[in-house]
Amino acid sequence: MEQVLDVCHHFDVPALVCINKYDLNEDNTCQIESYCLSQGVELAAKIPFDNIVTEALVQGLPVVEYSQDKVAQEIERLWLTITRALLHKR
């Protein structure tokens, strides 16, 4: 992540960060959040671990169509954040 963000900064490309399965290692999540804050990078979302993701993959469906649980809601929020960032860039 640090290398990707360095390249983004070098080329003046805005970046967003999403932490997947953030609740499996909260120390690592805190380090990522701190790094993003120190670099001025927006944390777009924190997706929790949930077996619903695997179930949706097995069914061949997007998570947001398979379920409306917390993971699906966070993915939808992430999509809105990305969309807003792209529209703001124009």
PDB file of N, CA and C in Angstrom:
ATOM      1  N   MET A   1       0.821  -1.177   0.000  1.00  0.00           N
ATOM      2  CA  MET A   1       0.000   0.000   0.000  1.00  0.00           C
ATOM      3  C   MET A   1       0.874   1.252   0.000  1.00  0.00           C
ATOM      4  N   GLU A   2       1.926   1.241   0.816  1.00  0.00           N
ATOM      5  CA  GLU A   2       2.793   2.409   0.892  1.00  0.00           C
ATOM      6  C   GLU A   2       3.419   2.718  -0.464  1.00  0.00           C
ATOM      7  N   GLN A   3       3.859   1.683  -1.185  1.00  0.00           N
ATOM      8  CA  GLN A   3       4.477   1.893  -2.494  1.00  0.00           C
ATOM      9  C   GLN A   3       3.463   2.447  -3.491  1.00  0.00           C
ATOM     10  N   VAL A   4       2.260   1.921  -3.468  1.00  0.00           N
ATOM     11  CA  VAL A   4       1.217   2.414  -4.378  1.00  0.00           C
ATOM     12  C   VAL A   4       0.903   3.874  -4.065  1.00  0.00           C
ATOM     13  N   LEU A   5       0.774   4.194  -2.790  1.00  0.00           N
ATOM     14  CA  LEU A   5       0.492   5.575  -2.406  1.00  0.00           C
ATOM     15  C   LEU A   5       1.656   6.499  -2.755  1.00  0.00           C
ATOM     16  N   ASP A   6       2.893   6.016  -2.636  1.00  0.00           N
ATOM     17  CA  ASP A   6       4.045   6.815  -3.055  1.00  0.00           C
ATOM     18  C   ASP A   6       3.972   7.154  -4.545  1.00  0.00           C
ATOM     19  N   VAL A   7       3.612   6.163  -5.350  1.00  0.00           N
ATOM     20  CA  VAL A   7       3.481   6.398  -6.795  1.00  0.00           C
ATOM     21  C   VAL A   7       2.350   7.388  -7.060  1.00  0.00           C
ATOM     22  N   CYS A   8       1.239   7.229  -6.367  1.00  0.00           N
ATOM     23  CA  CYS A   8       0.115   8.162  -6.537  1.00  0.00           C
ATOM     24  C   CYS A   8       0.543   9.584  -6.185  1.00  0.00           C
ATOM     25  N   HIS A   9       1.247   9.749  -5.075  1.00  0.00           N
ATOM     26  CA  HIS A   9       1.731  11.074  -4.675  1.00  0.00           C
ATOM     27  C   HIS A   9       2.703  11.630  -5.705  1.00  0.00           C
ATOM     28  N   HIS A  10       3.609  10.780  -6.182  1.00  0.00           N
ATOM     29  CA  HIS A  10       4.606  11.220  -7.153  1.00  0.00           C
ATOM     30  C   HIS A  10       3.960  11.786  -8.418  1.00  0.00           C
ATOM     31  N   PHE A  11       2.907  11.113  -8.892  1.00  0.00           N
ATOM     32  CA  PHE A  11       2.237  11.537 -10.116  1.00  0.00           C
ATOM     33  C   PHE A  11       1.012  12.413  -9.851  1.00  0.00           C
ATOM     34  N   ASP A  12       0.854  12.820  -8.595  1.00  0.00           N
ATOM     35  CA  ASP A  12      -0.260  13.686  -8.193  1.00  0.00           C
ATOM     36  C   ASP A  12      -1.626  13.074  -8.553  1.00  0.00           C
ATOM     37  N   VAL A  13      -1.748  11.783  -8.272  1.00  0.00           N
ATOM     38  CA  VAL A  13      -2.996  11.057  -8.510  1.00  0.00           C
ATOM     39  C   VAL A  13      -3.668  10.844  -7.161  1.00  0.00           C
ATOM     40  N   PRO A  14      -4.900  11.311  -7.005  1.00  0.00           N
ATOM     41  CA  PRO A  14      -5.586  11.107  -5.723  1.00  0.00           C
ATOM     42  C   PRO A  14      -5.824   9.615  -5.463  1.00  0.00           C
ATOM     43  N   ALA A  15      -5.807   9.252  -4.193  1.00  0.00           N
ATOM     44  CA  ALA A  15      -5.986   7.848  -3.819  1.00  0.00           C
ATOM     45  C   ALA A  15      -6.973   7.743  -2.667  1.00  0.00           C
ATOM     46  N   LEU A  16      -7.652   6.627  -2.626  1.00  0.00           N
ATOM     47  CA  LEU A  16      -8.527   6.255  -1.517  1.00  0.00           C
ATOM     48  C   LEU A  16      -8.073   4.886  -1.034  1.00  0.00           C
ATOM     49  N   VAL A  17      -8.296   4.615   0.235  1.00  0.00           N
ATOM     50  CA  VAL A  17      -7.924   3.314   0.794  1.00  0.00           C
ATOM     51  C   VAL A  17      -9.151   2.648   1.389  1.00  0.00           C
ATOM     52  N   CYS A  18      -9.262   1.357   1.128  1.00  0.00           N
ATOM     53  CA  CYS A  18     -10.307   0.521   1.722  1.00  0.00           C
ATOM     54  C   CYS A  18      -9.603  -0.616   2.446  1.00  0.00           C
ATOM     55  N   ILE A  19      -9.962  -0.826   3.704  1.00  0.00           N
ATOM     56  CA  ILE A  19      -9.382  -1.921   4.479  1.00  0.00           C
ATOM     57  C   ILE A  19     -10.374  -3.086   4.466  1.00  0.00           C
ATOM     58  N   ASN A  20      -9.955  -4.187   3.858  1.00  0.00           N
ATOM     59  CA  ASN A  20     -10.799  -5.374   3.782  1.00  0.00           C
ATOM     60  C   ASN A  20     -10.537  -6.268   4.995  1.00  0.00           C
ATOM     61  N   LYS A  21     -11.577  -6.873   5.520  1.00  0.00           N
ATOM     62  CA  LYS A  21     -11.491  -7.756   6.689  1.00  0.00           C
ATOM     63  C   LYS A  21     -10.796  -7.049   7.851  1.00  0.00           C
ATOM     64  N   TYR A  22     -11.163  -5.787   8.039  1.00  0.00           N
ATOM     65  CA  TYR A  22     -10.480  -4.944   9.027  1.00  0.00           C
ATOM     66  C   TYR A  22     -10.551  -5.500  10.446  1.00  0.00           C
ATOM     67  N   ASP A  23     -11.583  -6.256  10.738  1.00  0.00           N
ATOM     68  CA  ASP A  23     -11.795  -6.729  12.107  1.00  0.00           C
ATOM     69  C   ASP A  23     -10.999  -7.998  12.444  1.00  0.00           C
ATOM     70  N   LEU A  24     -10.266  -8.552  11.493  1.00  0.00           N
ATOM     71  CA  LEU A  24      -9.466  -9.746  11.779  1.00  0.00           C
ATOM     72  C   LEU A  24      -8.136  -9.410  12.450  1.00  0.00           C
ATOM     73  N   ASN A  25      -7.645  -8.187  12.228  1.00  0.00           N
ATOM     74  CA  ASN A  25      -6.391  -7.768  12.842  1.00  0.00           C
ATOM     75  C   ASN A  25      -6.484  -6.271  13.138  1.00  0.00           C
ATOM     76  N   GLU A  26      -7.005  -5.950  14.295  1.00  0.00           N
ATOM     77  CA  GLU A  26      -7.267  -4.557  14.631  1.00  0.00           C
ATOM     78  C   GLU A  26      -5.987  -3.740  14.796  1.00  0.00           C
ATOM     79  N   ASP A  27      -4.882  -4.370  15.198  1.00  0.00           N
ATOM     80  CA  ASP A  27      -3.605  -3.646  15.291  1.00  0.00           C
ATOM     81  C   ASP A  27      -3.161  -3.191  13.900  1.00  0.00           C
ATOM     82  N   ASN A  28      -3.251  -4.096  12.937  1.00  0.00           N
ATOM     83  CA  ASN A  28      -2.884  -3.762  11.564  1.00  0.00           C
ATOM     84  C   ASN A  28      -3.808  -2.670  11.019  1.00  0.00           C
ATOM     85  N   THR A  29      -5.087  -2.769  11.331  1.00  0.00           N
ATOM     86  CA  THR A  29      -6.051  -1.756  10.901  1.00  0.00           C
ATOM     87  C   THR A  29      -5.675  -0.388  11.463  1.00  0.00           C
ATOM     88  N   CYS A  30      -5.307  -0.337  12.723  1.00  0.00           N
ATOM     89  CA  CYS A  30      -4.897   0.934  13.340  1.00  0.00           C
ATOM     90  C   CYS A  30      -3.655   1.497  12.664  1.00  0.00           C
ATOM     91  N   GLN A  31      -2.710   0.630  12.303  1.00  0.00           N
ATOM     92  CA  GLN A  31      -1.503   1.085  11.613  1.00  0.00           C
ATOM     93  C   GLN A  31      -1.854   1.658  10.243  1.00  0.00           C
ATOM     94  N   ILE A  32      -2.743   1.002   9.526  1.00  0.00           N
ATOM     95  CA  ILE A  32      -3.159   1.485   8.208  1.00  0.00           C
ATOM     96  C   ILE A  32      -3.863   2.830   8.348  1.00  0.00           C
ATOM     97  N   GLU A  33      -4.763   2.922   9.306  1.00  0.00           N
ATOM     98  CA  GLU A  33      -5.481   4.183   9.526  1.00  0.00           C
ATOM     99  C   GLU A  33      -4.515   5.315   9.873  1.00  0.00           C
ATOM    100  N   SER A  34      -3.569   5.045  10.743  1.00  0.00           N
ATOM    101  CA  SER A  34      -2.578   6.062  11.135  1.00  0.00           C
ATOM    102  C   SER A  34      -1.739   6.497   9.942  1.00  0.00           C
ATOM    103  N   TYR A  35      -1.309   5.529   9.146  1.00  0.00           N
ATOM    104  CA  TYR A  35      -0.506   5.853   7.966  1.00  0.00           C
ATOM    105  C   TYR A  35      -1.304   6.724   7.000  1.00  0.00           C
ATOM    106  N   CYS A  36      -2.541   6.346   6.746  1.00  0.00           N
ATOM    107  CA  CYS A  36      -3.387   7.127   5.832  1.00  0.00           C
ATOM    108  C   CYS A  36      -3.556   8.556   6.350  1.00  0.00           C
ATOM    109  N   LEU A  37      -3.809   8.686   7.633  1.00  0.00           N
ATOM    110  CA  LEU A  37      -3.973  10.008   8.228  1.00  0.00           C
ATOM    111  C   LEU A  37      -2.698  10.840   8.069  1.00  0.00           C
ATOM    112  N   SER A  38      -1.546  10.222   8.312  1.00  0.00           N
ATOM    113  CA  SER A  38      -0.275  10.949   8.211  1.00  0.00           C
ATOM    114  C   SER A  38       0.050  11.352   6.779  1.00  0.00           C
ATOM    115  N   GLN A  39      -0.496  10.614   5.813  1.00  0.00           N
ATOM    116  CA  GLN A  39      -0.227  10.894   4.405  1.00  0.00           C
ATOM    117  C   GLN A  39      -1.329  11.719   3.743  1.00  0.00           C
ATOM    118  N   GLY A  40      -2.382  12.025   4.507  1.00  0.00           N
ATOM    119  CA  GLY A  40      -3.491  12.790   3.944  1.00  0.00           C
ATOM    120  C   GLY A  40      -4.324  11.998   2.954  1.00  0.00           C
ATOM    121  N   VAL A  41      -4.370  10.685   3.146  1.00  0.00           N
ATOM    122  CA  VAL A  41      -5.117   9.802   2.252  1.00  0.00           C
ATOM    123  C   VAL A  41      -6.437   9.433   2.923  1.00  0.00           C
ATOM    124  N   GLU A  42      -7.512   9.577   2.172  1.00  0.00           N
ATOM    125  CA  GLU A  42      -8.831   9.281   2.728  1.00  0.00           C
ATOM    126  C   GLU A  42      -9.043   7.781   2.881  1.00  0.00           C
ATOM    127  N   LEU A  43      -9.530   7.394   4.041  1.00  0.00           N
ATOM    128  CA  LEU A  43      -9.936   6.015   4.278  1.00  0.00           C
ATOM    129  C   LEU A  43     -11.386   5.916   3.821  1.00  0.00           C
ATOM    130  N   ALA A  44     -11.592   5.281   2.682  1.00  0.00           N
ATOM    131  CA  ALA A  44     -12.912   5.253   2.055  1.00  0.00           C
ATOM    132  C   ALA A  44     -13.874   4.288   2.741  1.00  0.00           C
ATOM    133  N   ALA A  45     -13.345   3.176   3.261  1.00  0.00           N
ATOM    134  CA  ALA A  45     -14.226   2.201   3.909  1.00  0.00           C
ATOM    135  C   ALA A  45     -13.404   1.180   4.679  1.00  0.00           C
ATOM    136  N   LYS A  46     -14.086   0.547   5.611  1.00  0.00           N
ATOM    137  CA  LYS A  46     -13.540  -0.590   6.349  1.00  0.00           C
ATOM    138  C   LYS A  46     -14.574  -1.708   6.232  1.00  0.00           C
ATOM    139  N   ILE A  47     -14.217  -2.739   5.480  1.00  0.00           N
ATOM    140  CA  ILE A  47     -15.126  -3.857   5.242  1.00  0.00           C
ATOM    141  C   ILE A  47     -14.839  -4.946   6.276  1.00  0.00           C
ATOM    142  N   PRO A  48     -15.848  -5.337   7.072  1.00  0.00           N
ATOM    143  CA  PRO A  48     -15.614  -6.406   8.047  1.00  0.00           C
ATOM    144  C   PRO A  48     -15.596  -7.783   7.380  1.00  0.00           C
ATOM    145  N   PHE A  49     -14.996  -8.737   8.056  1.00  0.00           N
ATOM    146  CA  PHE A  49     -15.041 -10.117   7.582  1.00  0.00           C
ATOM    147  C   PHE A  49     -16.464 -10.645   7.741  1.00  0.00           C
ATOM    148  N   ASP A  50     -16.928 -11.365   6.735  1.00  0.00           N
ATOM    149  CA  ASP A  50     -18.255 -11.987   6.817  1.00  0.00           C
ATOM    150  C   ASP A  50     -18.312 -13.133   5.814  1.00  0.00           C
ATOM    151  N   ASN A  51     -18.818 -14.288   6.244  1.00  0.00           N
ATOM    152  CA  ASN A  51     -18.963 -15.441   5.347  1.00  0.00           C
ATOM    153  C   ASN A  51     -19.965 -15.184   4.224  1.00  0.00           C
ATOM    154  N   ILE A  52     -20.762 -14.139   4.350  1.00  0.00           N
ATOM    155  CA  ILE A  52     -21.722 -13.786   3.297  1.00  0.00           C
ATOM    156  C   ILE A  52     -20.999 -13.562   1.964  1.00  0.00           C
ATOM    157  N   VAL A  53     -19.779 -13.030   2.036  1.00  0.00           N
ATOM    158  CA  VAL A  53     -19.004 -12.781   0.813  1.00  0.00           C
ATOM    159  C   VAL A  53     -18.741 -14.093   0.090  1.00  0.00           C
ATOM    160  N   THR A  54     -18.314 -15.105   0.808  1.00  0.00           N
ATOM    161  CA  THR A  54     -18.067 -16.414   0.206  1.00  0.00           C
ATOM    162  C   THR A  54     -19.358 -17.018  -0.333  1.00  0.00           C
ATOM    163  N   GLU A  55     -20.435 -16.901   0.443  1.00  0.00           N
ATOM    164  CA  GLU A  55     -21.728 -17.428  -0.005  1.00  0.00           C
ATOM    165  C   GLU A  55     -22.163 -16.761  -1.311  1.00  0.00           C
ATOM    166  N   ALA A  56     -21.980 -15.457  -1.406  1.00  0.00           N
ATOM    167  CA  ALA A  56     -22.349 -14.731  -2.626  1.00  0.00           C
ATOM    168  C   ALA A  56     -21.502 -15.199  -3.802  1.00  0.00           C
ATOM    169  N   LEU A  57     -20.194 -15.401  -3.566  1.00  0.00           N
ATOM    170  CA  LEU A  57     -19.318 -15.886  -4.637  1.00  0.00           C
ATOM    171  C   LEU A  57     -19.746 -17.265  -5.128  1.00  0.00           C
ATOM    172  N   VAL A  58     -20.088 -18.143  -4.200  1.00  0.00           N
ATOM    173  CA  VAL A  58     -20.534 -19.495  -4.558  1.00  0.00           C
ATOM    174  C   VAL A  58     -21.801 -19.424  -5.417  1.00  0.00           C
ATOM    175  N   GLN A  59     -22.675 -18.480  -5.092  1.00  0.00           N
ATOM    176  CA  GLN A  59     -23.925 -18.314  -5.842  1.00  0.00           C
ATOM    177  C   GLN A  59     -23.718 -17.528  -7.142  1.00  0.00           C
ATOM    178  N   GLY A  60     -22.524 -16.991  -7.317  1.00  0.00           N
ATOM    179  CA  GLY A  60     -22.226 -16.221  -8.527  1.00  0.00           C
ATOM    180  C   GLY A  60     -22.905 -14.855  -8.541  1.00  0.00           C
ATOM    181  N   LEU A  61     -23.120 -14.302  -7.350  1.00  0.00           N
ATOM    182  CA  LEU A  61     -23.809 -13.022  -7.236  1.00  0.00           C
ATOM    183  C   LEU A  61     -22.934 -11.987  -6.549  1.00  0.00           C
ATOM    184  N   PRO A  62     -23.106 -10.722  -6.907  1.00  0.00           N
ATOM    185  CA  PRO A  62     -22.436  -9.671  -6.144  1.00  0.00           C
ATOM    186  C   PRO A  62     -22.971  -9.661  -4.714  1.00  0.00           C
ATOM    187  N   VAL A  63     -22.122  -9.324  -3.772  1.00  0.00           N
ATOM    188  CA  VAL A  63     -22.515  -9.304  -2.363  1.00  0.00           C
ATOM    189  C   VAL A  63     -23.734  -8.407  -2.154  1.00  0.00           C
ATOM    190  N   VAL A  64     -23.768  -7.271  -2.827  1.00  0.00           N
ATOM    191  CA  VAL A  64     -24.864  -6.314  -2.622  1.00  0.00           C
ATOM    192  C   VAL A  64     -26.190  -6.802  -3.190  1.00  0.00           C
ATOM    193  N   GLU A  65     -26.157  -7.786  -4.078  1.00  0.00           N
ATOM    194  CA  GLU A  65     -27.400  -8.401  -4.561  1.00  0.00           C
ATOM    195  C   GLU A  65     -27.787  -9.612  -3.719  1.00  0.00           C
ATOM    196  N   TYR A  66     -26.797 -10.265  -3.144  1.00  0.00           N
ATOM    197  CA  TYR A  66     -27.038 -11.474  -2.362  1.00  0.00           C
ATOM    198  C   TYR A  66     -27.568 -11.170  -0.968  1.00  0.00           C
ATOM    199  N   SER A  67     -27.143 -10.044  -0.407  1.00  0.00           N
ATOM    200  CA  SER A  67     -27.473  -9.731   0.973  1.00  0.00           C
ATOM    201  C   SER A  67     -27.558  -8.225   1.168  1.00  0.00           C
ATOM    202  N   GLN A  68     -28.198  -7.832   2.233  1.00  0.00           N
ATOM    203  CA  GLN A  68     -28.216  -6.423   2.632  1.00  0.00           C
ATOM    204  C   GLN A  68     -27.668  -6.278   4.051  1.00  0.00           C
ATOM    205  N   ASP A  69     -26.759  -7.171   4.429  1.00  0.00           N
ATOM    206  CA  ASP A  69     -26.177  -7.110   5.766  1.00  0.00           C
ATOM    207  C   ASP A  69     -25.130  -5.998   5.838  1.00  0.00           C
ATOM    208  N   LYS A  70     -24.402  -5.965   6.936  1.00  0.00           N
ATOM    209  CA  LYS A  70     -23.431  -4.895   7.178  1.00  0.00           C
ATOM    210  C   LYS A  70     -22.363  -4.819   6.088  1.00  0.00           C
ATOM    211  N   VAL A  71     -21.872  -5.962   5.626  1.00  0.00           N
ATOM    212  CA  VAL A  71     -20.841  -5.968   4.585  1.00  0.00           C
ATOM    213  C   VAL A  71     -21.380  -5.347   3.311  1.00  0.00           C
ATOM    214  N   ALA A  72     -22.570  -5.740   2.901  1.00  0.00           N
ATOM    215  CA  ALA A  72     -23.173  -5.189   1.678  1.00  0.00           C
ATOM    216  C   ALA A  72     -23.380  -3.683   1.817  1.00  0.00           C
ATOM    217  N   GLN A  73     -23.822  -3.246   2.965  1.00  0.00           N
ATOM    218  CA  GLN A  73     -24.027  -1.813   3.191  1.00  0.00           C
ATOM    219  C   GLN A  73     -22.711  -1.057   3.123  1.00  0.00           C
ATOM    220  N   GLU A  74     -21.659  -1.626   3.660  1.00  0.00           N
ATOM    221  CA  GLU A  74     -20.346  -0.967   3.634  1.00  0.00           C
ATOM    222  C   GLU A  74     -19.789  -0.932   2.211  1.00  0.00           C
ATOM    223  N   ILE A  75     -20.021  -1.979   1.442  1.00  0.00           N
ATOM    224  CA  ILE A  75     -19.586  -1.996   0.039  1.00  0.00           C
ATOM    225  C   ILE A  75     -20.340  -0.925  -0.751  1.00  0.00           C
ATOM    226  N   GLU A  76     -21.625  -0.802  -0.501  1.00  0.00           N
ATOM    227  CA  GLU A  76     -22.412   0.243  -1.176  1.00  0.00           C
ATOM    228  C   GLU A  76     -21.912   1.636  -0.785  1.00  0.00           C
ATOM    229  N   ARG A  77     -21.572   1.817   0.491  1.00  0.00           N
ATOM    230  CA  ARG A  77     -21.045   3.098   0.952  1.00  0.00           C
ATOM    231  C   ARG A  77     -19.693   3.386   0.293  1.00  0.00           C
ATOM    232  N   LEU A  78     -18.865   2.347   0.149  1.00  0.00           N
ATOM    233  CA  LEU A  78     -17.582   2.486  -0.534  1.00  0.00           C
ATOM    234  C   LEU A  78     -17.794   2.942  -1.970  1.00  0.00           C
ATOM    235  N   TRP A  79     -18.741   2.320  -2.656  1.00  0.00           N
ATOM    236  CA  TRP A  79     -19.030   2.684  -4.043  1.00  0.00           C
ATOM    237  C   TRP A  79     -19.452   4.154  -4.140  1.00  0.00           C
ATOM    238  N   LEU A  80     -20.291   4.601  -3.225  1.00  0.00           N
ATOM    239  CA  LEU A  80     -20.710   6.006  -3.230  1.00  0.00           C
ATOM    240  C   LEU A  80     -19.532   6.942  -2.974  1.00  0.00           C
ATOM    241  N   THR A  81     -18.637   6.557  -2.083  1.00  0.00           N
ATOM    242  CA  THR A  81     -17.462   7.367  -1.794  1.00  0.00           C
ATOM    243  C   THR A  81     -16.564   7.466  -3.026  1.00  0.00           C
ATOM    244  N   ILE A  82     -16.348   6.354  -3.706  1.00  0.00           N
ATOM    245  CA  ILE A  82     -15.529   6.353  -4.927  1.00  0.00           C
ATOM    246  C   ILE A  82     -16.190   7.201  -6.004  1.00  0.00           C
ATOM    247  N   THR A  83     -17.484   7.024  -6.194  1.00  0.00           N
ATOM    248  CA  THR A  83     -18.221   7.793  -7.202  1.00  0.00           C
ATOM    249  C   THR A  83     -18.129   9.283  -6.916  1.00  0.00           C
ATOM    250  N   ARG A  84     -18.323   9.652  -5.669  1.00  0.00           N
ATOM    251  CA  ARG A  84     -18.242  11.062  -5.268  1.00  0.00           C
ATOM    252  C   ARG A  84     -16.839  11.616  -5.540  1.00  0.00           C
ATOM    253  N   ALA A  85     -15.818  10.837  -5.229  1.00  0.00           N
ATOM    254  CA  ALA A  85     -14.434  11.277  -5.451  1.00  0.00           C
ATOM    255  C   ALA A  85     -14.155  11.463  -6.939  1.00  0.00           C
ATOM    256  N   LEU A  86     -14.661  10.555  -7.768  1.00  0.00           N
ATOM    257  CA  LEU A  86     -14.455  10.672  -9.204  1.00  0.00           C
ATOM    258  C   LEU A  86     -15.202  11.874  -9.787  1.00  0.00           C
ATOM    259  N   LEU A  87     -16.401  12.109  -9.319  1.00  0.00           N
ATOM    260  CA  LEU A  87     -17.170  13.260  -9.805  1.00  0.00           C
ATOM    261  C   LEU A  87     -16.531  14.569  -9.375  1.00  0.00           C
ATOM    262  N   HIS A  88     -15.979  14.580  -8.162  1.00  0.00           N
ATOM    263  CA  HIS A  88     -15.321  15.783  -7.646  1.00  0.00           C
ATOM    264  C   HIS A  88     -14.053  16.091  -8.417  1.00  0.00           C
ATOM    265  N   LYS A  89     -13.402  15.057  -8.941  1.00  0.00           N
ATOM    266  CA  LYS A  89     -12.136  15.188  -9.681  1.00  0.00           C
ATOM    267  C   LYS A  89     -12.346  15.925 -10.988  1.00  0.00           C
ATOM    268  N   ARG A  90     -13.532  15.804 -11.577  1.00  0.00           N
ATOM    269  CA  ARG A  90     -13.796  16.396 -12.890  1.00  0.00           C
ATOM    270  C   ARG A  90     -13.697  17.861 -12.866  1.00  0.00           C
TER     271      ARG A  90
END
